[in-house]
Amino acid sequence: MSEVEHIKGKLKPTGKTINEFIGDVEFETWQSNAREYFEDEYYGSAFEIDGKVFLITERKEVDTSNDIFESNLNKDGTIDFEVKYYNGGCGLNEALAHATKKS
């Protein structure tokens, strides 16, 4: 069942590409490339921005009533984020992509 999700957290840069981050792994039959493997195996714990992997190091679910797509780039390279969305219309990766386009 779809529901509204409101998540606030922090993205920490790894400085690695998806291929560097996942290393030498065997793909499952339904995964045709590194991106598909990454999105399957690291959904909710890592996210890619401009070709580099960021770890989701803090994640807190919050209950409110309006959609939110916010992010702030910090001096140390981490990104604080807050997203709230109906998960029948988008997922965490899409919400993070929308939020990080602003930072």
C-alpha atoms as a PDB file:
ATOM      1  CA  MET A   1       0.000   0.000   0.000  1.00  0.00           C
ATOM      2  CA  SER A   2       1.299   3.450  -0.872  1.00  0.00           C
ATOM      3  CA  GLU A   3       1.577   6.075   1.817  1.00  0.00           C
ATOM      4  CA  VAL A   4       3.146   9.447   2.512  1.00  0.00           C
ATOM      5  CA  GLU A   5       6.763   9.307   3.647  1.00  0.00           C
ATOM      6  CA  HIS A   6       8.607  12.177   5.352  1.00  0.00           C
ATOM      7  CA  ILE A   7      12.316  11.536   5.850  1.00  0.00           C
ATOM      8  CA  LYS A   8      14.982  13.885   7.172  1.00  0.00           C
ATOM      9  CA  GLY A   9      18.675  12.976   7.123  1.00  0.00           C
ATOM     10  CA  LYS A  10      22.224  13.539   5.917  1.00  0.00           C
ATOM     11  CA  LEU A  11      24.123  12.417   2.821  1.00  0.00           C
ATOM     12  CA  LYS A  12      27.886  11.871   3.267  1.00  0.00           C
ATOM     13  CA  PRO A  13      30.112  11.860   0.155  1.00  0.00           C
ATOM     14  CA  THR A  14      32.266   8.795  -0.455  1.00  0.00           C
ATOM     15  CA  GLY A  15      34.223  10.347  -3.332  1.00  0.00           C
ATOM     16  CA  LYS A  16      33.629   7.121  -5.279  1.00  0.00           C
ATOM     17  CA  THR A  17      31.743   6.310  -8.448  1.00  0.00           C
ATOM     18  CA  ILE A  18      29.172   3.536  -8.379  1.00  0.00           C
ATOM     19  CA  ASN A  19      31.692   1.092  -9.913  1.00  0.00           C
ATOM     20  CA  GLU A  20      34.368   2.030  -7.352  1.00  0.00           C
ATOM     21  CA  PHE A  21      31.844   1.824  -4.516  1.00  0.00           C
ATOM     22  CA  ILE A  22      30.440  -1.626  -5.332  1.00  0.00           C
ATOM     23  CA  GLY A  23      33.768  -3.143  -6.396  1.00  0.00           C
ATOM     24  CA  ASP A  24      33.925  -6.483  -8.172  1.00  0.00           C
ATOM     25  CA  VAL A  25      30.533  -8.116  -7.621  1.00  0.00           C
ATOM     26  CA  GLU A  26      28.431 -10.671  -9.451  1.00  0.00           C
ATOM     27  CA  PHE A  27      25.180  -9.276 -10.799  1.00  0.00           C
ATOM     28  CA  GLU A  28      21.941 -11.188 -10.326  1.00  0.00           C
ATOM     29  CA  THR A  29      20.166 -12.290 -13.499  1.00  0.00           C
ATOM     30  CA  TRP A  30      17.783  -9.304 -13.325  1.00  0.00           C
ATOM     31  CA  GLN A  31      20.660  -6.797 -12.969  1.00  0.00           C
ATOM     32  CA  SER A  32      22.302  -5.905 -16.265  1.00  0.00           C
ATOM     33  CA  ASN A  33      24.798  -3.308 -15.003  1.00  0.00           C
ATOM     34  CA  ALA A  34      26.463  -1.684 -11.975  1.00  0.00           C
ATOM     35  CA  ARG A  35      23.760   0.988 -11.633  1.00  0.00           C
ATOM     36  CA  GLU A  36      20.981  -1.608 -11.391  1.00  0.00           C
ATOM     37  CA  TYR A  37      23.017  -3.577  -8.834  1.00  0.00           C
ATOM     38  CA  PHE A  38      23.695  -0.407  -6.824  1.00  0.00           C
ATOM     39  CA  GLU A  39      20.038   0.676  -6.883  1.00  0.00           C
ATOM     40  CA  ASP A  40      18.866  -2.791  -5.778  1.00  0.00           C
ATOM     41  CA  GLU A  41      21.475  -3.464  -3.102  1.00  0.00           C
ATOM     42  CA  TYR A  42      21.935   0.024  -1.626  1.00  0.00           C
ATOM     43  CA  TYR A  43      18.420   1.494  -1.882  1.00  0.00           C
ATOM     44  CA  GLY A  44      17.815   3.487   1.285  1.00  0.00           C
ATOM     45  CA  SER A  45      21.464   3.456   2.390  1.00  0.00           C
ATOM     46  CA  ALA A  46      23.346   5.121  -0.495  1.00  0.00           C
ATOM     47  CA  PHE A  47      22.488   7.548  -3.313  1.00  0.00           C
ATOM     48  CA  GLU A  48      24.294   8.809  -6.443  1.00  0.00           C
ATOM     49  CA  ILE A  49      24.678  12.523  -7.273  1.00  0.00           C
ATOM     50  CA  ASP A  50      26.610  13.671 -10.360  1.00  0.00           C
ATOM     51  CA  GLY A  51      28.358  10.317 -10.705  1.00  0.00           C
ATOM     52  CA  LYS A  52      29.495  10.060  -7.064  1.00  0.00           C
ATOM     53  CA  VAL A  53      28.073   7.906  -4.263  1.00  0.00           C
ATOM     54  CA  PHE A  54      26.794   9.463  -1.035  1.00  0.00           C
ATOM     55  CA  LEU A  55      25.925   7.393   2.041  1.00  0.00           C
ATOM     56  CA  ILE A  56      22.698   8.103   3.895  1.00  0.00           C
ATOM     57  CA  THR A  57      24.264   8.456   7.348  1.00  0.00           C
ATOM     58  CA  GLU A  58      21.302   9.820   9.265  1.00  0.00           C
ATOM     59  CA  ARG A  59      17.688   9.079   8.553  1.00  0.00           C
ATOM     60  CA  LYS A  60      14.663  10.063  10.600  1.00  0.00           C
ATOM     61  CA  GLU A  61      11.052   9.657   9.592  1.00  0.00           C
ATOM     62  CA  VAL A  62       8.854  12.678  10.462  1.00  0.00           C
ATOM     63  CA  ASP A  63       5.060  13.019  10.381  1.00  0.00           C
ATOM     64  CA  THR A  64       3.648  16.188   8.703  1.00  0.00           C
ATOM     65  CA  SER A  65       1.071  16.982   6.018  1.00  0.00           C
ATOM     66  CA  ASN A  66       2.826  18.823   3.116  1.00  0.00           C
ATOM     67  CA  ASP A  67       5.326  17.544   0.513  1.00  0.00           C
ATOM     68  CA  ILE A  68       8.901  18.634   1.256  1.00  0.00           C
ATOM     69  CA  PHE A  69      12.000  18.358  -0.963  1.00  0.00           C
ATOM     70  CA  GLU A  70      14.849  20.236   0.739  1.00  0.00           C
ATOM     71  CA  SER A  71      18.626  19.882   0.953  1.00  0.00           C
ATOM     72  CA  ASN A  72      21.574  21.958   2.148  1.00  0.00           C
ATOM     73  CA  LEU A  73      25.219  21.483   1.198  1.00  0.00           C
ATOM     74  CA  ASN A  74      27.469  21.742   4.268  1.00  0.00           C
ATOM     75  CA  LYS A  75      31.080  23.002   4.367  1.00  0.00           C
ATOM     76  CA  ASP A  76      32.351  19.468   5.072  1.00  0.00           C
ATOM     77  CA  GLY A  77      30.772  18.136   1.843  1.00  0.00           C
ATOM     78  CA  THR A  78      27.847  16.387   3.542  1.00  0.00           C
ATOM     79  CA  ILE A  79      24.312  17.219   2.515  1.00  0.00           C
ATOM     80  CA  ASP A  80      21.478  17.557   5.033  1.00  0.00           C
ATOM     81  CA  PHE A  81      18.175  16.522   3.474  1.00  0.00           C
ATOM     82  CA  GLU A  82      14.489  16.457   4.295  1.00  0.00           C
ATOM     83  CA  VAL A  83      11.957  14.845   1.975  1.00  0.00           C
ATOM     84  CA  LYS A  84       8.274  14.144   2.437  1.00  0.00           C
ATOM     85  CA  TYR A  85       6.277  12.572  -0.364  1.00  0.00           C
ATOM     86  CA  TYR A  86       3.534  10.132  -1.265  1.00  0.00           C
ATOM     87  CA  ASN A  87       5.367   6.919  -2.096  1.00  0.00           C
ATOM     88  CA  GLY A  88       2.781   5.959  -4.690  1.00  0.00           C
ATOM     89  CA  GLY A  89       3.983   8.904  -6.814  1.00  0.00           C
ATOM     90  CA  CYS A  90       7.749   8.647  -6.294  1.00  0.00           C
ATOM     91  CA  GLY A  91      10.386   6.804  -4.266  1.00  0.00           C
ATOM     92  CA  LEU A  92      13.256   7.882  -2.046  1.00  0.00           C
ATOM     93  CA  ASN A  93      15.744   8.158  -4.934  1.00  0.00           C
ATOM     94  CA  GLU A  94      13.400  10.382  -6.947  1.00  0.00           C
ATOM     95  CA  ALA A  95      12.681  12.538  -3.898  1.00  0.00           C
ATOM     96  CA  LEU A  96      16.426  12.900  -3.182  1.00  0.00           C
ATOM     97  CA  ALA A  97      17.082  13.765  -6.836  1.00  0.00           C
ATOM     98  CA  HIS A  98      14.465  16.516  -6.672  1.00  0.00           C
ATOM     99  CA  ALA A  99      15.800  17.845  -3.357  1.00  0.00           C
ATOM    100  CA  THR A 100      19.484  17.841  -4.344  1.00  0.00           C
ATOM    101  CA  LYS A 101      18.871  19.744  -7.589  1.00  0.00           C
ATOM    102  CA  LYS A 102      18.348  22.791  -5.334  1.00  0.00           C
ATOM    103  CA  SER A 103      21.600  22.518  -3.343  1.00  0.00           C
END
